Amino acid sequence: MDRRTFVATSAWLAATAGYTWPAFARVADTRGTLAVVDLNFAHGRAFAQHAARMNMATVEVGDDIGALWHSVLASHLAGSGGSLVGVVRASDSFVLARLASRSHRVSQQTLKQNGEHTQLAVFTIVSATTRA
């Protein structure tokens, strides 16, 4: 990852989530990464805009994270060897973590605002052999 991309991604996280998470920035800059966002939330919309600026393919969560996993996300991870990075409801992040945990490494953090937990989480899902 180049310094400019790291700074831009870290700046996005600092502005919207109140902290930086270097592993998130590294995965977001990896070729083949798919951004998963929940556009019902300001953080999700902000991340979708950031992903678009970084030319990252983006998919919106919709109403059924399990269906999205089986129809799009699992095949993306298996077919391209790519990764997932996203800002979604904490409950959706939990479901994704359980679905991906057998063959992938999952990292997730609950977003905090003013020191309190919100209903959102940021996550990365990478191949078990990838360093993040």
C-alpha atoms as a PDB file:
ATOM      1  CA  MET A   1       0.000   0.000   0.000  1.00  0.00           C
ATOM      2  CA  ASP A   2       1.297   3.425  -0.786  1.00  0.00           C
ATOM      3  CA  ARG A   3       1.404   6.188   1.803  1.00  0.00           C
ATOM      4  CA  ARG A   4      -1.220   8.345   0.061  1.00  0.00           C
ATOM      5  CA  THR A   5      -3.810   5.531   0.074  1.00  0.00           C
ATOM      6  CA  PHE A   6      -3.093   4.703   3.711  1.00  0.00           C
ATOM      7  CA  VAL A   7      -3.486   8.334   4.745  1.00  0.00           C
ATOM      8  CA  ALA A   8      -6.714   8.744   2.737  1.00  0.00           C
ATOM      9  CA  THR A   9      -8.244   5.597   4.194  1.00  0.00           C
ATOM     10  CA  SER A  10      -7.113   6.438   7.710  1.00  0.00           C
ATOM     11  CA  ALA A  11      -8.511   9.950   7.321  1.00  0.00           C
ATOM     12  CA  TRP A  12     -11.872   8.503   6.285  1.00  0.00           C
ATOM     13  CA  LEU A  13     -11.928   6.237   9.324  1.00  0.00           C
ATOM     14  CA  ALA A  14     -10.882   9.031  11.666  1.00  0.00           C
ATOM     15  CA  ALA A  15     -13.570  11.332  10.312  1.00  0.00           C
ATOM     16  CA  THR A  16     -16.423   8.852  10.367  1.00  0.00           C
ATOM     17  CA  ALA A  17     -15.584   6.359  13.066  1.00  0.00           C
ATOM     18  CA  GLY A  18     -13.450   8.329  15.455  1.00  0.00           C
ATOM     19  CA  TYR A  19     -10.399   6.085  15.179  1.00  0.00           C
ATOM     20  CA  THR A  20      -8.100   4.504  12.637  1.00  0.00           C
ATOM     21  CA  TRP A  21      -7.693   0.795  12.059  1.00  0.00           C
ATOM     22  CA  PRO A  22      -4.584   0.056   9.969  1.00  0.00           C
ATOM     23  CA  ALA A  23      -5.703  -3.491   9.044  1.00  0.00           C
ATOM     24  CA  PHE A  24      -8.898  -2.049   7.533  1.00  0.00           C
ATOM     25  CA  ALA A  25      -6.852   0.383   5.447  1.00  0.00           C
ATOM     26  CA  ARG A  26      -4.523  -2.385   4.202  1.00  0.00           C
ATOM     27  CA  VAL A  27      -7.381  -4.671   3.143  1.00  0.00           C
ATOM     28  CA  ALA A  28      -9.275  -1.784   1.528  1.00  0.00           C
ATOM     29  CA  ASP A  29      -6.213  -1.083  -0.630  1.00  0.00           C
ATOM     30  CA  THR A  30      -5.811  -4.692  -1.765  1.00  0.00           C
ATOM     31  CA  ARG A  31      -6.751  -5.572  -5.329  1.00  0.00           C
ATOM     32  CA  GLY A  32      -9.895  -7.687  -5.503  1.00  0.00           C
ATOM     33  CA  THR A  33     -11.435  -6.239  -2.361  1.00  0.00           C
ATOM     34  CA  LEU A  34     -15.196  -5.826  -2.378  1.00  0.00           C
ATOM     35  CA  ALA A  35     -16.760  -3.122  -0.195  1.00  0.00           C
ATOM     36  CA  VAL A  36     -19.935  -4.166   1.629  1.00  0.00           C
ATOM     37  CA  VAL A  37     -22.015  -1.264   2.921  1.00  0.00           C
ATOM     38  CA  ASP A  38     -25.318  -0.536   4.587  1.00  0.00           C
ATOM     39  CA  LEU A  39     -26.571   2.642   2.946  1.00  0.00           C
ATOM     40  CA  ASN A  40     -29.171   3.164   5.674  1.00  0.00           C
ATOM     41  CA  PHE A  41     -26.456   4.719   7.848  1.00  0.00           C
ATOM     42  CA  ALA A  42     -24.291   7.803   7.373  1.00  0.00           C
ATOM     43  CA  HIS A  43     -21.110   5.802   8.013  1.00  0.00           C
ATOM     44  CA  GLY A  44     -22.144   3.298   5.339  1.00  0.00           C
ATOM     45  CA  ARG A  45     -22.844   6.039   2.808  1.00  0.00           C
ATOM     46  CA  ALA A  46     -19.538   7.753   3.640  1.00  0.00           C
ATOM     47  CA  PHE A  47     -17.637   4.499   3.179  1.00  0.00           C
ATOM     48  CA  ALA A  48     -19.433   3.815  -0.121  1.00  0.00           C
ATOM     49  CA  GLN A  49     -18.291   7.224  -1.382  1.00  0.00           C
ATOM     50  CA  HIS A  50     -14.739   6.499  -0.212  1.00  0.00           C
ATOM     51  CA  ALA A  51     -14.813   3.081  -1.920  1.00  0.00           C
ATOM     52  CA  ALA A  52     -15.992   4.706  -5.163  1.00  0.00           C
ATOM     53  CA  ARG A  53     -13.084   7.174  -5.040  1.00  0.00           C
ATOM     54  CA  MET A  54     -10.721   4.207  -4.604  1.00  0.00           C
ATOM     55  CA  ASN A  55     -12.349   2.379  -7.576  1.00  0.00           C
ATOM     56  CA  MET A  56     -13.458  -0.439  -5.285  1.00  0.00           C
ATOM     57  CA  ALA A  57     -16.478  -2.522  -6.306  1.00  0.00           C
ATOM     58  CA  THR A  58     -19.308  -1.987  -3.818  1.00  0.00           C
ATOM     59  CA  VAL A  59     -22.341  -4.032  -2.847  1.00  0.00           C
ATOM     60  CA  GLU A  60     -25.213  -2.861  -0.641  1.00  0.00           C
ATOM     61  CA  VAL A  61     -26.311  -5.217   2.133  1.00  0.00           C
ATOM     62  CA  GLY A  62     -30.065  -5.060   1.513  1.00  0.00           C
ATOM     63  CA  ASP A  63     -32.505  -6.929   3.718  1.00  0.00           C
ATOM     64  CA  ASP A  64     -30.925 -10.396   3.947  1.00  0.00           C
ATOM     65  CA  ILE A  65     -27.224 -10.724   4.697  1.00  0.00           C
ATOM     66  CA  GLY A  66     -27.414 -14.523   4.464  1.00  0.00           C
ATOM     67  CA  ALA A  67     -28.812 -14.386   0.941  1.00  0.00           C
ATOM     68  CA  LEU A  68     -26.139 -11.849  -0.033  1.00  0.00           C
ATOM     69  CA  TRP A  69     -23.467 -14.161   1.374  1.00  0.00           C
ATOM     70  CA  HIS A  70     -24.682 -17.151  -0.645  1.00  0.00           C
ATOM     71  CA  SER A  71     -25.418 -15.234  -3.852  1.00  0.00           C
ATOM     72  CA  VAL A  72     -22.453 -12.835  -4.074  1.00  0.00           C
ATOM     73  CA  LEU A  73     -19.961 -12.698  -1.223  1.00  0.00           C
ATOM     74  CA  ALA A  74     -18.936 -16.365  -0.883  1.00  0.00           C
ATOM     75  CA  SER A  75     -18.356 -16.694  -4.619  1.00  0.00           C
ATOM     76  CA  HIS A  76     -16.335 -13.463  -4.650  1.00  0.00           C
ATOM     77  CA  LEU A  77     -14.074 -14.794  -1.901  1.00  0.00           C
ATOM     78  CA  ALA A  78     -13.725 -18.216  -3.521  1.00  0.00           C
ATOM     79  CA  GLY A  79     -13.456 -17.137  -7.141  1.00  0.00           C
ATOM     80  CA  SER A  80     -11.145 -14.174  -7.013  1.00  0.00           C
ATOM     81  CA  GLY A  81      -9.282 -14.883  -3.828  1.00  0.00           C
ATOM     82  CA  GLY A  82     -10.342 -11.359  -2.953  1.00  0.00           C
ATOM     83  CA  SER A  83     -11.320  -9.893   0.369  1.00  0.00           C
ATOM     84  CA  LEU A  84     -14.312  -8.138   1.867  1.00  0.00           C
ATOM     85  CA  VAL A  85     -14.295  -4.925   3.825  1.00  0.00           C
ATOM     86  CA  GLY A  86     -17.326  -3.092   5.056  1.00  0.00           C
ATOM     87  CA  VAL A  87     -19.457  -0.975   7.295  1.00  0.00           C
ATOM     88  CA  VAL A  88     -22.686  -2.739   8.238  1.00  0.00           C
ATOM     89  CA  ARG A  89     -25.022  -3.346  11.156  1.00  0.00           C
ATOM     90  CA  ALA A  90     -23.275  -5.157  13.990  1.00  0.00           C
ATOM     91  CA  SER A  91     -25.787  -8.004  13.607  1.00  0.00           C
ATOM     92  CA  ASP A  92     -24.919  -8.392   9.898  1.00  0.00           C
ATOM     93  CA  SER A  93     -21.213  -8.363  10.733  1.00  0.00           C
ATOM     94  CA  PHE A  94     -21.846 -11.117  13.295  1.00  0.00           C
ATOM     95  CA  VAL A  95     -23.641 -13.259  10.689  1.00  0.00           C
ATOM     96  CA  LEU A  96     -20.883 -12.712   8.106  1.00  0.00           C
ATOM     97  CA  ALA A  97     -18.242 -13.662  10.660  1.00  0.00           C
ATOM     98  CA  ARG A  98     -19.997 -16.959  11.371  1.00  0.00           C
ATOM     99  CA  LEU A  99     -20.477 -17.753   7.677  1.00  0.00           C
ATOM    100  CA  ALA A 100     -16.868 -16.955   6.771  1.00  0.00           C
ATOM    101  CA  SER A 101     -15.056 -18.303   9.826  1.00  0.00           C
ATOM    102  CA  ARG A 102     -14.341 -21.796   8.483  1.00  0.00           C
ATOM    103  CA  SER A 103     -12.222 -20.715   5.558  1.00  0.00           C
ATOM    104  CA  HIS A 104     -11.374 -17.060   6.190  1.00  0.00           C
ATOM    105  CA  ARG A 105      -9.971 -14.769   8.816  1.00  0.00           C
ATOM    106  CA  VAL A 106     -12.480 -12.257  10.120  1.00  0.00           C
ATOM    107  CA  SER A 107     -11.727  -9.040  11.995  1.00  0.00           C
ATOM    108  CA  GLN A 108     -14.440  -6.732  13.219  1.00  0.00           C
ATOM    109  CA  GLN A 109     -14.814  -3.747  15.477  1.00  0.00           C
ATOM    110  CA  THR A 110     -17.927  -2.032  16.705  1.00  0.00           C
ATOM    111  CA  LEU A 111     -18.013   1.634  15.781  1.00  0.00           C
ATOM    112  CA  LYS A 112     -18.127   3.976  18.726  1.00  0.00           C
ATOM    113  CA  GLN A 113     -19.523   7.449  18.812  1.00  0.00           C
ATOM    114  CA  ASN A 114     -18.900   9.654  21.830  1.00  0.00           C
ATOM    115  CA  GLY A 115     -17.568   6.598  23.655  1.00  0.00           C
ATOM    116  CA  GLU A 116     -20.787   4.614  23.254  1.00  0.00           C
ATOM    117  CA  HIS A 117     -21.377   1.562  21.102  1.00  0.00           C
ATOM    118  CA  THR A 118     -23.606   2.051  18.100  1.00  0.00           C
ATOM    119  CA  GLN A 119     -25.341  -0.564  16.027  1.00  0.00           C
ATOM    120  CA  LEU A 120     -22.613  -0.517  13.347  1.00  0.00           C
ATOM    121  CA  ALA A 121     -19.425  -2.484  12.866  1.00  0.00           C
ATOM    122  CA  VAL A 122     -16.499  -2.323  10.469  1.00  0.00           C
ATOM    123  CA  PHE A 123     -15.096  -5.637   9.316  1.00  0.00           C
ATOM    124  CA  THR A 124     -12.558  -7.335   7.099  1.00  0.00           C
ATOM    125  CA  ILE A 125     -12.753 -10.855   5.754  1.00  0.00           C
ATOM    126  CA  VAL A 126      -9.598 -12.202   4.130  1.00  0.00           C
ATOM    127  CA  SER A 127      -8.283 -15.598   3.124  1.00  0.00           C
ATOM    128  CA  ALA A 128      -6.837 -17.510   6.036  1.00  0.00           C
ATOM    129  CA  THR A 129      -3.465 -17.404   4.252  1.00  0.00           C
ATOM    130  CA  THR A 130      -3.474 -13.605   3.731  1.00  0.00           C
ATOM    131  CA  ARG A 131      -1.780 -11.279   6.190  1.00  0.00           C
ATOM    132  CA  ALA A 132      -3.961  -8.357   7.271  1.00  0.00           C
END
